[in-house]
Amino acid sequence: MVTARQQLQRILKRLEGRSEVTPDEGVKQILALPAEEITEPLTEALAKSPHYLVRLVAAMALGELKAATAVPTLVATLSDSSLTVQRAAAKSLTQIGKPSVPELLKLVDSEDLSMRRWAIQILGHIGAREAAPALLNRFPKEVPEMQRLILEALGEIGSVRAYKLLTEQASSGSQEFHRTAIEALGKLKDPRGVPVLLEVLARDGTEMRKLIRDSLLSIGKPAVPALVKALKTDNLTIRQVAAEVLGSMGDRRALKELVSALKDPDPFVRQSAITALSQFPSKSLFEPLQNLFRDPSQEVRFQVLKALVKVGREKAKPFLINALDDSDWLIRLTAVQGLAELGGDDIVEPLCRALQDKEWSVRYHAIQALKQMGSLQALLPLMRCLFDPHPQVALGAIQALESLGDPRAIDALRRLASAGIKEVSSAAYRAARALQEIAQQKGIRVPLRRPVKSSVSTARP
C-alpha cells in the first residue's frame, strides 16, 4: 500500500521535472493527503529542495494546512532566492496567524532590511496587537520607507498605543507619511481621531477629501457625535464631508442636524445633506426636502428630485411631473427617470408629453419608460417619434412599438422604412415584419408590401 508520504514524494518529484502541473494544482493534490503525515516532509522539502517549484508548492501548502510547526522554516524562507517563494512564505505565515508572531517579532530588529520589511508587513496583516510596542519602538530608528510600512502595520493592528504616533504623523508628518497615517487612523477606529482628521481636512481641503472621508467611514458610528457637531462649523469642506459621511453611515442620531443642514447657505452642503437624508427611509423627511424643489441651484434640485422618489415614493409624482417643465434638461431627465421608477397608469400622459421635449435624451428616456410600461395609450405618441430628427430617439420608438405588438403601427413603420434613412430604415422594416406576423397570428389582415427606396437617401417625411 502506498503511504501518504510516498504519494507526496511523487507529487514533488513531478514538480522537479517541470511538469505541466500548475502550483495550484500541485497544492490541491497535496491537500488531499492526510495533513498529519505530510507536514514534516513538506517542511523538509521547503528547507532543502533546490527546485523552485517544489519550494513554492511546499510553502503554499503549509499555509493552507496552517502548519504551526513549519513557522521557523517559513520565516527562513523569507530570504529565499526567489521573490515568488518569499511571497508564498509570507502569505502562509499570515494564514497561520498568531503562532507566527513570536518568530516574526525576532526579525523586527534584524540587521537584514528585507527580513525586517517582511516581518513588519506580516505582523500588520495578522493584526498582532502584541507587536505594537516593538513597532513603535522601532519607528524612530527606521529609514523612511520602513517607517511608512510601520504606520500601515499599526493601522492594521488597530492598537490604541499607536494613536499618538498616528495623529502626529497625520497632522504634521512629512508628505510621505501624511496619507499613510490618515488611512491608518481610520483603521484604528478610535473616535478621538475624528477632530484630527477634520483639522487636516480644513487645512488641506480637496487634496485629502476622499481619503479622510474613507477614514471617517472606517471609524464608523463612534464618529457620529463629532460629525454632527462638525455640521455647524464655519469650514465649508468640513460641513460637506460631515454630511456625506453621516448619510453613508445611516445613523438616525444625525437626522435633526442633517435636516437643519438643508438650510445651509452653501449649495454644496445642501446637496450633501439631501443625499444623506435620502438614505433614511422616513416619510417624515418628505416635507423638509420638498421645500428645496425650487432651489436656485440646479445640482440641489437634481438631488432633491432623486431624494423625493426614495423618501416619498407616490407622493413625489406631482413634483416629478412639474419638473418636466424645468428650464434645465438634466432636471427634466431626472424627472422622467423618477417617474419610470415609480410606474403607474397616471404617469403615461406626462411621459407622452415628455416625448416632445427639446432635449433628445429626455425624449429617449421617456420612450424607454413607456416601453417598459407597455401601455397602448402611448401608441400614437410613439408613432410620432418614428420620424424624430435624432436617430437614437427614432430607434427607441421603433423598439418600443415592436414591444407593444400593436399592428396599427405597421403602416407608420413601413413609411419610415421607405424613407431610406440609413440609421433607422432597416430597423423599421424588421419591426414592421415582426408586427405583420403578430397580425397574421391574430387574424388581422394587413397587406405586406415591400418598402420602396426613396430617391433621396436622407429624406425624412
Protein backbone atom coordinates (compact mmCIF):
# COMPACT_ATOMS: atom_id res chain seq x y z
CA MET A 1 0.00 0.00 0.00
CA VAL A 2 1.35 3.43 -0.98
CA THR A 3 1.71 5.72 2.04
CA ALA A 4 0.77 9.41 2.10
CA ARG A 5 4.46 10.33 2.36
CA GLN A 6 5.22 8.31 -0.79
CA GLN A 7 2.33 9.96 -2.65
CA LEU A 8 3.66 13.35 -1.59
CA GLN A 9 7.14 12.48 -2.85
CA ARG A 10 5.69 11.51 -6.23
CA ILE A 11 3.87 14.85 -6.49
CA LEU A 12 7.00 16.77 -5.59
CA LYS A 13 9.08 14.66 -7.99
CA ARG A 14 6.78 15.63 -10.87
CA LEU A 15 7.31 19.27 -9.94
CA GLU A 16 11.06 18.75 -10.13
CA GLY A 17 10.62 17.61 -13.69
CA ARG A 18 8.85 20.88 -14.61
CA SER A 19 5.63 19.06 -15.42
CA GLU A 20 2.59 20.87 -16.74
CA VAL A 21 1.01 20.70 -13.29
CA THR A 22 0.46 24.28 -12.05
CA PRO A 23 1.40 25.25 -8.47
CA ASP A 24 -2.30 25.49 -7.56
CA GLU A 25 -2.97 22.01 -8.92
CA GLY A 26 0.04 20.67 -7.02
CA VAL A 27 -1.23 22.20 -3.78
CA LYS A 28 -4.69 20.74 -4.41
CA GLN A 29 -3.21 17.26 -4.84
CA ILE A 30 -1.16 17.64 -1.66
CA LEU A 31 -4.11 18.85 0.41
CA ALA A 32 -5.98 15.65 -0.50
CA LEU A 33 -3.45 13.74 1.63
CA PRO A 34 -3.64 13.36 5.46
CA ALA A 35 -2.18 16.54 6.98
CA GLU A 36 -0.54 14.84 9.95
CA GLU A 37 1.51 12.60 7.66
CA ILE A 38 2.75 15.19 5.19
CA THR A 39 3.54 18.31 7.26
CA GLU A 40 7.03 17.18 8.24
CA PRO A 41 8.18 16.08 4.75
CA LEU A 42 6.67 19.23 3.24
CA THR A 43 8.63 21.36 5.70
CA GLU A 44 11.78 19.44 4.85
CA ALA A 45 11.18 19.93 1.13
CA LEU A 46 10.74 23.66 1.66
CA ALA A 47 14.03 23.86 3.55
CA LYS A 48 16.18 21.66 1.32
CA SER A 49 14.82 21.34 -2.22
CA PRO A 50 16.94 23.04 -4.91
CA HIS A 51 13.88 23.21 -7.17
CA TYR A 52 11.91 26.46 -7.23
CA LEU A 53 8.51 24.84 -7.94
CA VAL A 54 8.91 22.36 -5.10
CA ARG A 55 9.69 25.13 -2.60
CA LEU A 56 6.84 27.26 -3.93
CA VAL A 57 4.23 24.50 -3.68
CA ALA A 58 5.52 23.38 -0.28
CA ALA A 59 5.27 26.95 1.07
CA MET A 60 1.75 27.36 -0.31
CA ALA A 61 0.55 24.01 1.05
CA LEU A 62 1.95 24.63 4.55
CA GLY A 63 -0.05 27.83 4.75
CA GLU A 64 -3.24 26.09 3.67
CA LEU A 65 -2.56 23.42 6.30
CA LYS A 66 -1.92 26.16 8.91
CA ALA A 67 1.13 24.17 9.95
CA ALA A 68 2.41 25.95 13.08
CA THR A 69 5.37 23.59 13.30
CA ALA A 70 6.61 24.92 9.96
CA VAL A 71 6.80 28.56 11.12
CA PRO A 72 10.61 28.66 11.67
CA THR A 73 11.20 27.20 8.20
CA LEU A 74 8.70 29.59 6.58
CA VAL A 75 10.38 32.53 8.34
CA ALA A 76 13.75 31.39 6.99
CA THR A 77 12.17 31.15 3.53
CA LEU A 78 11.52 34.91 3.60
CA SER A 79 15.13 35.17 2.37
CA ASP A 80 14.66 32.60 -0.43
CA SER A 81 16.46 33.29 -3.71
CA SER A 82 13.04 33.52 -5.44
CA LEU A 83 10.82 36.52 -4.65
CA THR A 84 7.77 34.42 -5.60
CA VAL A 85 8.68 31.83 -2.97
CA GLN A 86 9.24 34.62 -0.44
CA ARG A 87 5.75 35.94 -1.13
CA ALA A 88 4.25 32.46 -0.76
CA ALA A 89 6.02 32.05 2.60
CA ALA A 90 4.77 35.47 3.76
CA LYS A 91 1.19 34.60 2.79
CA SER A 92 1.44 31.26 4.59
CA LEU A 93 2.74 32.90 7.78
CA THR A 94 -0.25 35.26 7.61
CA GLN A 95 -2.60 32.29 7.17
CA ILE A 96 -1.06 30.51 10.15
CA GLY A 97 -1.59 33.69 12.15
CA LYS A 98 -0.81 34.00 15.87
CA PRO A 99 1.64 31.07 16.05
CA SER A 100 3.82 33.01 13.59
CA VAL A 101 4.10 36.12 15.76
CA PRO A 102 6.94 35.16 18.18
CA GLU A 103 9.31 34.26 15.34
CA LEU A 104 8.39 37.38 13.37
CA LEU A 105 8.95 39.64 16.37
CA LYS A 106 12.56 38.44 16.44
CA LEU A 107 13.01 39.96 12.99
CA VAL A 108 11.74 43.47 13.80
CA ASP A 109 15.25 44.48 14.87
CA SER A 110 17.05 42.32 12.33
CA GLU A 111 20.02 43.85 10.52
CA ASP A 112 18.61 42.47 7.29
CA LEU A 113 16.37 45.18 5.78
CA SER A 114 14.43 42.70 3.65
CA MET A 115 13.65 40.47 6.62
CA ARG A 116 12.51 43.48 8.70
CA ARG A 117 10.26 44.56 5.84
CA TRP A 118 8.62 41.14 5.62
CA ALA A 119 8.21 40.89 9.40
CA ILE A 120 6.54 44.32 9.69
CA GLN A 121 4.14 43.65 6.81
CA ILE A 122 3.15 40.18 8.00
CA LEU A 123 2.63 41.32 11.61
CA GLY A 124 0.30 44.00 10.26
CA HIS A 125 -1.63 41.54 8.08
CA ILE A 126 -2.02 39.20 11.05
CA GLY A 127 -3.23 42.09 13.23
CA ALA A 128 -0.84 41.14 16.01
CA ARG A 129 -1.58 43.62 18.81
CA GLU A 130 1.35 42.29 20.83
CA ALA A 131 3.63 43.62 18.08
CA ALA A 132 2.60 47.26 18.61
CA PRO A 133 5.23 48.10 21.30
CA ALA A 134 8.06 46.66 19.19
CA LEU A 135 6.91 48.54 16.10
CA LEU A 136 6.51 51.82 17.98
CA ASN A 137 9.97 51.39 19.47
CA ARG A 138 11.41 50.66 16.03
CA PHE A 139 9.81 53.64 14.26
CA PRO A 140 12.34 56.38 15.15
CA LYS A 141 15.25 54.09 14.26
CA GLU A 142 14.00 53.23 10.77
CA VAL A 143 14.59 54.62 7.31
CA PRO A 144 11.60 56.50 5.79
CA GLU A 145 10.43 53.57 3.65
CA MET A 146 10.23 51.30 6.68
CA GLN A 147 8.60 53.99 8.81
CA ARG A 148 5.77 54.14 6.29
CA LEU A 149 5.35 50.35 6.49
CA ILE A 150 5.26 50.57 10.29
CA LEU A 151 2.46 53.16 10.11
CA GLU A 152 0.49 50.88 7.79
CA ALA A 153 1.06 47.89 10.08
CA LEU A 154 -0.01 49.84 13.18
CA GLY A 155 -3.23 50.82 11.43
CA GLU A 156 -3.98 47.19 10.51
CA ILE A 157 -3.16 46.05 14.05
CA GLY A 158 -5.53 48.64 15.49
CA SER A 159 -3.71 49.14 18.77
CA VAL A 160 -4.67 52.27 20.74
CA ARG A 161 -1.00 52.58 21.64
CA ALA A 162 -0.41 53.82 18.12
CA TYR A 163 -2.87 56.73 18.44
CA LYS A 164 -0.30 59.35 19.46
CA LEU A 165 2.16 58.49 16.70
CA LEU A 166 -0.53 58.28 14.01
CA THR A 167 -2.12 61.62 14.94
CA GLU A 168 1.30 63.29 14.98
CA GLN A 169 2.09 61.97 11.51
CA ALA A 170 -1.39 62.81 10.18
CA SER A 171 -1.24 66.37 11.47
CA SER A 172 2.36 67.40 10.97
CA GLY A 173 4.25 64.49 9.48
CA SER A 174 6.08 64.62 6.19
CA GLN A 175 4.12 64.41 2.95
CA GLU A 176 5.47 60.90 2.54
CA PHE A 177 3.71 59.69 5.69
CA HIS A 178 0.72 62.03 5.65
CA ARG A 179 -1.66 59.86 3.64
CA THR A 180 -0.49 56.61 5.26
CA ALA A 181 -1.13 57.97 8.76
CA ILE A 182 -4.59 59.26 7.81
CA GLU A 183 -5.58 55.88 6.39
CA ALA A 184 -4.15 54.11 9.46
CA LEU A 185 -6.16 56.37 11.80
CA GLY A 186 -9.33 55.18 10.10
CA LYS A 187 -8.35 51.55 10.58
CA LEU A 188 -7.61 52.29 14.24
CA LYS A 189 -11.35 53.05 14.70
CA ASP A 190 -10.61 55.41 17.57
CA PRO A 191 -13.18 58.27 17.72
CA ARG A 192 -10.51 60.54 19.21
CA GLY A 193 -9.06 60.68 15.70
CA VAL A 194 -12.12 62.42 14.21
CA PRO A 195 -11.17 66.01 15.23
CA VAL A 196 -7.64 65.38 13.97
CA LEU A 197 -8.93 64.21 10.60
CA LEU A 198 -11.31 67.16 10.33
CA GLU A 199 -8.48 69.54 11.17
CA VAL A 200 -6.40 68.08 8.35
CA LEU A 201 -9.43 68.36 6.07
CA ALA A 202 -9.83 72.04 6.92
CA ARG A 203 -6.18 72.65 6.12
CA ASP A 204 -5.67 70.52 3.02
CA GLY A 205 -9.20 70.57 1.58
CA THR A 206 -9.81 68.85 -1.74
CA GLU A 207 -6.49 67.01 -1.90
CA MET A 208 -7.28 64.85 1.14
CA ARG A 209 -11.05 64.86 0.92
CA LYS A 210 -11.70 61.31 -0.30
CA LEU A 211 -9.01 59.78 1.91
CA ILE A 212 -10.33 61.47 5.04
CA ARG A 213 -13.92 60.64 4.12
CA ASP A 214 -12.98 56.96 3.82
CA SER A 215 -11.11 57.07 7.15
CA LEU A 216 -14.12 58.62 8.90
CA LEU A 217 -16.35 55.93 7.43
CA SER A 218 -13.90 53.31 8.64
CA ILE A 219 -14.11 54.68 12.20
CA GLY A 220 -17.87 54.21 11.88
CA LYS A 221 -20.66 55.09 14.29
CA PRO A 222 -18.37 56.13 17.18
CA ALA A 223 -17.56 59.15 14.97
CA VAL A 224 -21.20 60.32 14.73
CA PRO A 225 -21.27 62.81 17.67
CA ALA A 226 -18.18 64.64 16.40
CA LEU A 227 -19.51 64.68 12.83
CA VAL A 228 -22.91 66.03 13.95
CA LYS A 229 -21.06 68.84 15.72
CA ALA A 230 -18.99 69.43 12.58
CA LEU A 231 -22.16 70.28 10.59
CA LYS A 232 -22.16 73.65 12.39
CA THR A 233 -18.53 74.56 11.78
CA ASP A 234 -17.57 77.58 9.68
CA ASN A 235 -15.47 75.47 7.31
CA LEU A 236 -17.37 74.63 4.13
CA THR A 237 -15.43 71.47 3.25
CA ILE A 238 -15.87 70.05 6.75
CA ARG A 239 -19.63 70.63 6.61
CA GLN A 240 -19.85 68.94 3.22
CA VAL A 241 -17.83 65.87 4.22
CA ALA A 242 -19.61 65.56 7.58
CA ALA A 243 -22.98 65.47 5.79
CA GLU A 244 -21.73 62.91 3.23
CA VAL A 245 -20.28 60.59 5.87
CA LEU A 246 -23.32 60.82 8.16
CA GLY A 247 -25.55 59.91 5.24
CA SER A 248 -23.42 56.91 4.36
CA MET A 249 -23.47 55.74 8.00
CA GLY A 250 -27.28 55.97 8.19
CA ASP A 251 -27.27 56.76 11.92
CA ARG A 252 -30.56 58.33 13.00
CA ARG A 253 -28.80 60.39 15.67
CA ALA A 254 -27.76 62.69 12.84
CA LEU A 255 -31.26 63.28 11.38
CA LYS A 256 -32.08 66.52 13.18
CA GLU A 257 -28.82 68.23 12.25
CA LEU A 258 -28.98 66.97 8.66
CA VAL A 259 -32.45 68.46 8.28
CA SER A 260 -31.07 71.75 9.60
CA ALA A 261 -28.26 71.50 7.05
CA LEU A 262 -30.89 71.70 4.27
CA LYS A 263 -30.95 75.44 5.03
CA ASP A 264 -27.17 75.82 4.82
CA PRO A 265 -26.18 78.90 2.77
CA ASP A 266 -23.83 76.82 0.63
CA PRO A 267 -25.48 74.78 -2.18
CA PHE A 268 -22.85 72.02 -1.91
CA VAL A 269 -23.67 71.48 1.76
CA ARG A 270 -27.39 71.44 0.97
CA GLN A 271 -26.70 68.91 -1.76
CA SER A 272 -24.69 66.70 0.60
CA ALA A 273 -27.43 66.93 3.24
CA ILE A 274 -30.09 65.91 0.68
CA THR A 275 -28.03 62.92 -0.41
CA ALA A 276 -27.52 61.95 3.22
CA LEU A 277 -31.21 62.21 4.11
CA SER A 278 -32.19 60.12 1.10
CA GLN A 279 -30.51 57.19 2.84
CA PHE A 280 -33.12 57.25 5.63
CA PRO A 281 -36.43 55.52 4.78
CA SER A 282 -38.60 58.02 6.64
CA LYS A 283 -41.64 59.74 5.11
CA SER A 284 -41.30 62.50 7.72
CA LEU A 285 -38.36 63.80 5.68
CA PHE A 286 -40.51 64.45 2.61
CA GLU A 287 -41.75 67.86 3.73
CA PRO A 288 -38.34 69.41 4.54
CA LEU A 289 -36.96 68.01 1.29
CA GLN A 290 -39.82 69.29 -0.87
CA ASN A 291 -39.07 72.83 0.26
CA LEU A 292 -35.92 72.65 -1.86
CA PHE A 293 -37.81 71.74 -5.03
CA ARG A 294 -37.43 75.29 -6.34
CA ASP A 295 -33.89 75.83 -5.06
CA PRO A 296 -31.88 78.17 -7.32
CA SER A 297 -29.09 75.59 -7.62
CA GLN A 298 -29.53 73.08 -10.44
CA GLU A 299 -27.49 70.48 -8.52
CA VAL A 300 -29.69 70.86 -5.44
CA ARG A 301 -32.88 70.42 -7.50
CA PHE A 302 -31.32 67.41 -9.19
CA GLN A 303 -30.52 65.76 -5.86
CA VAL A 304 -33.83 66.66 -4.25
CA LEU A 305 -35.83 65.04 -7.06
CA LYS A 306 -33.95 61.78 -6.57
CA ALA A 307 -34.37 62.03 -2.80
CA LEU A 308 -38.12 62.68 -3.05
CA VAL A 309 -38.53 59.46 -5.04
CA LYS A 310 -36.65 57.46 -2.39
CA VAL A 311 -38.34 59.05 0.61
CA GLY A 312 -41.86 59.80 -0.63
CA ARG A 313 -42.48 57.32 -3.45
CA GLU A 314 -46.03 58.09 -4.73
CA LYS A 315 -46.03 61.49 -3.03
CA ALA A 316 -43.15 62.51 -5.28
CA LYS A 317 -45.12 62.18 -8.53
CA PRO A 318 -46.58 65.73 -8.63
CA PHE A 319 -43.10 67.20 -8.13
CA LEU A 320 -41.65 64.98 -10.86
CA ILE A 321 -44.43 65.94 -13.26
CA ASN A 322 -43.88 69.64 -12.54
CA ALA A 323 -40.16 69.16 -13.08
CA LEU A 324 -40.84 68.08 -16.66
CA ASP A 325 -41.20 71.83 -17.39
CA ASP A 326 -37.95 72.81 -15.68
CA SER A 327 -35.58 75.01 -17.67
CA ASP A 328 -32.69 72.60 -17.09
CA TRP A 329 -32.70 69.48 -19.26
CA LEU A 330 -30.90 67.40 -16.61
CA ILE A 331 -33.74 68.10 -14.16
CA ARG A 332 -36.29 67.08 -16.79
CA LEU A 333 -34.31 63.89 -17.49
CA THR A 334 -34.17 63.11 -13.77
CA ALA A 335 -37.92 63.61 -13.55
CA VAL A 336 -38.52 61.15 -16.40
CA GLN A 337 -36.26 58.57 -14.76
CA GLY A 338 -38.01 59.06 -11.41
CA LEU A 339 -41.45 58.58 -12.97
CA ALA A 340 -40.20 55.44 -14.72
CA GLU A 341 -39.03 54.06 -11.37
CA LEU A 342 -42.40 54.74 -9.71
CA GLY A 343 -44.59 53.50 -12.58
CA GLY A 344 -48.40 53.56 -12.66
CA ASP A 345 -51.06 54.44 -15.23
CA ASP A 346 -51.14 58.05 -14.07
CA ILE A 347 -47.68 58.78 -15.47
CA VAL A 348 -48.33 57.66 -19.05
CA GLU A 349 -49.71 61.05 -20.13
CA PRO A 350 -46.83 63.07 -18.59
CA LEU A 351 -44.31 60.73 -20.20
CA CYS A 352 -46.04 61.12 -23.56
CA ARG A 353 -45.74 64.87 -23.10
CA ALA A 354 -42.01 64.42 -22.48
CA LEU A 355 -41.73 62.84 -25.94
CA GLN A 356 -41.89 66.41 -27.28
CA ASP A 357 -39.05 67.70 -25.11
CA LYS A 358 -36.41 69.75 -26.97
CA GLU A 359 -33.59 67.65 -25.47
CA TRP A 360 -33.18 64.32 -27.27
CA SER A 361 -32.00 62.38 -24.20
CA VAL A 362 -35.20 63.33 -22.35
CA ARG A 363 -37.28 62.10 -25.30
CA TYR A 364 -35.24 58.90 -25.50
CA HIS A 365 -35.63 58.06 -21.78
CA ALA A 366 -39.35 58.83 -21.94
CA ILE A 367 -39.62 56.28 -24.77
CA GLN A 368 -37.72 53.71 -22.70
CA ALA A 369 -40.06 54.30 -19.75
CA LEU A 370 -43.16 53.89 -21.92
CA LYS A 371 -41.71 50.77 -23.50
CA GLN A 372 -41.17 49.32 -20.02
CA MET A 373 -44.77 50.12 -19.05
CA GLY A 374 -46.27 48.62 -22.22
CA SER A 375 -49.30 50.92 -22.23
CA LEU A 376 -51.22 51.12 -25.51
CA GLN A 377 -52.16 54.66 -24.53
CA ALA A 378 -48.68 55.60 -25.74
CA LEU A 379 -49.13 54.06 -29.22
CA LEU A 380 -49.87 57.24 -31.22
CA PRO A 381 -47.30 59.44 -29.39
CA LEU A 382 -44.65 56.77 -30.01
CA MET A 383 -45.60 56.57 -33.70
CA ARG A 384 -44.96 60.32 -33.98
CA CYS A 385 -41.46 59.75 -32.60
CA LEU A 386 -40.59 57.46 -35.51
CA PHE A 387 -39.56 60.49 -37.55
CA ASP A 388 -37.61 62.19 -34.75
CA PRO A 389 -34.54 64.07 -36.06
CA HIS A 390 -32.29 62.21 -33.62
CA PRO A 391 -31.63 58.59 -34.76
CA GLN A 392 -31.40 57.23 -31.19
CA VAL A 393 -34.88 58.51 -30.43
CA ALA A 394 -36.26 57.07 -33.67
CA LEU A 395 -34.63 53.70 -32.95
CA GLY A 396 -36.05 53.75 -29.43
CA ALA A 397 -39.53 54.42 -30.82
CA ILE A 398 -39.18 51.53 -33.28
CA GLN A 399 -38.21 49.15 -30.49
CA ALA A 400 -40.99 50.40 -28.22
CA LEU A 401 -43.63 49.94 -30.93
CA GLU A 402 -42.38 46.44 -31.71
CA SER A 403 -42.52 45.66 -27.98
CA LEU A 404 -46.12 46.91 -27.78
CA GLY A 405 -47.01 44.45 -30.55
CA ASP A 406 -49.90 46.52 -31.94
CA PRO A 407 -50.35 46.04 -35.73
CA ARG A 408 -51.70 49.60 -36.04
CA ALA A 409 -48.08 50.76 -36.07
CA ILE A 410 -47.22 48.76 -39.21
CA ASP A 411 -48.12 51.46 -41.73
CA ALA A 412 -46.03 54.14 -39.96
CA LEU A 413 -43.10 51.72 -39.69
CA ARG A 414 -43.35 50.93 -43.41
CA ARG A 415 -43.29 54.62 -44.28
CA LEU A 416 -40.17 55.07 -42.16
CA ALA A 417 -38.60 52.00 -43.78
CA SER A 418 -39.30 53.52 -47.20
CA ALA A 419 -37.69 56.83 -46.26
CA GLY A 420 -34.20 55.47 -46.84
CA ILE A 421 -32.76 56.88 -43.61
CA LYS A 422 -29.56 54.92 -43.11
CA GLU A 423 -29.64 54.61 -39.33
CA VAL A 424 -33.26 53.59 -38.84
CA SER A 425 -34.91 52.32 -42.03
CA SER A 426 -33.70 48.73 -41.75
CA ALA A 427 -34.78 48.59 -38.08
CA ALA A 428 -38.21 49.92 -39.05
CA TYR A 429 -38.53 47.30 -41.78
CA ARG A 430 -37.71 44.47 -39.33
CA ALA A 431 -40.18 45.81 -36.77
CA ALA A 432 -42.92 46.07 -39.44
CA ARG A 433 -42.29 42.45 -40.40
CA ALA A 434 -42.49 41.36 -36.76
CA LEU A 435 -45.80 43.17 -36.28
CA GLN A 436 -47.08 41.69 -39.55
CA GLU A 437 -46.51 38.21 -38.12
CA ILE A 438 -48.36 39.19 -34.95
CA ALA A 439 -51.25 40.48 -37.06
CA GLN A 440 -51.40 37.23 -39.02
CA GLN A 441 -51.46 35.23 -35.78
CA LYS A 442 -54.38 37.35 -34.58
CA GLY A 443 -56.19 37.03 -37.92
CA ILE A 444 -55.82 40.74 -38.74
CA ARG A 445 -55.44 41.40 -42.49
CA VAL A 446 -52.56 43.76 -43.14
CA PRO A 447 -51.13 43.63 -46.69
CA LEU A 448 -47.37 43.05 -46.62
CA ARG A 449 -45.70 45.45 -49.02
CA ARG A 450 -42.03 45.83 -49.68
CA PRO A 451 -40.74 49.28 -48.74
CA VAL A 452 -39.88 51.42 -51.74
CA LYS A 453 -36.45 53.03 -51.56
CA SER A 454 -36.55 56.78 -51.59
CA SER A 455 -34.74 58.59 -54.39
CA VAL A 456 -33.12 60.78 -51.73
CA SER A 457 -31.50 58.56 -49.11
CA THR A 458 -31.54 61.19 -46.35
CA ALA A 459 -35.16 62.27 -46.80
CA ARG A 460 -37.42 62.35 -43.76
CA PRO A 461 -41.22 62.52 -44.09
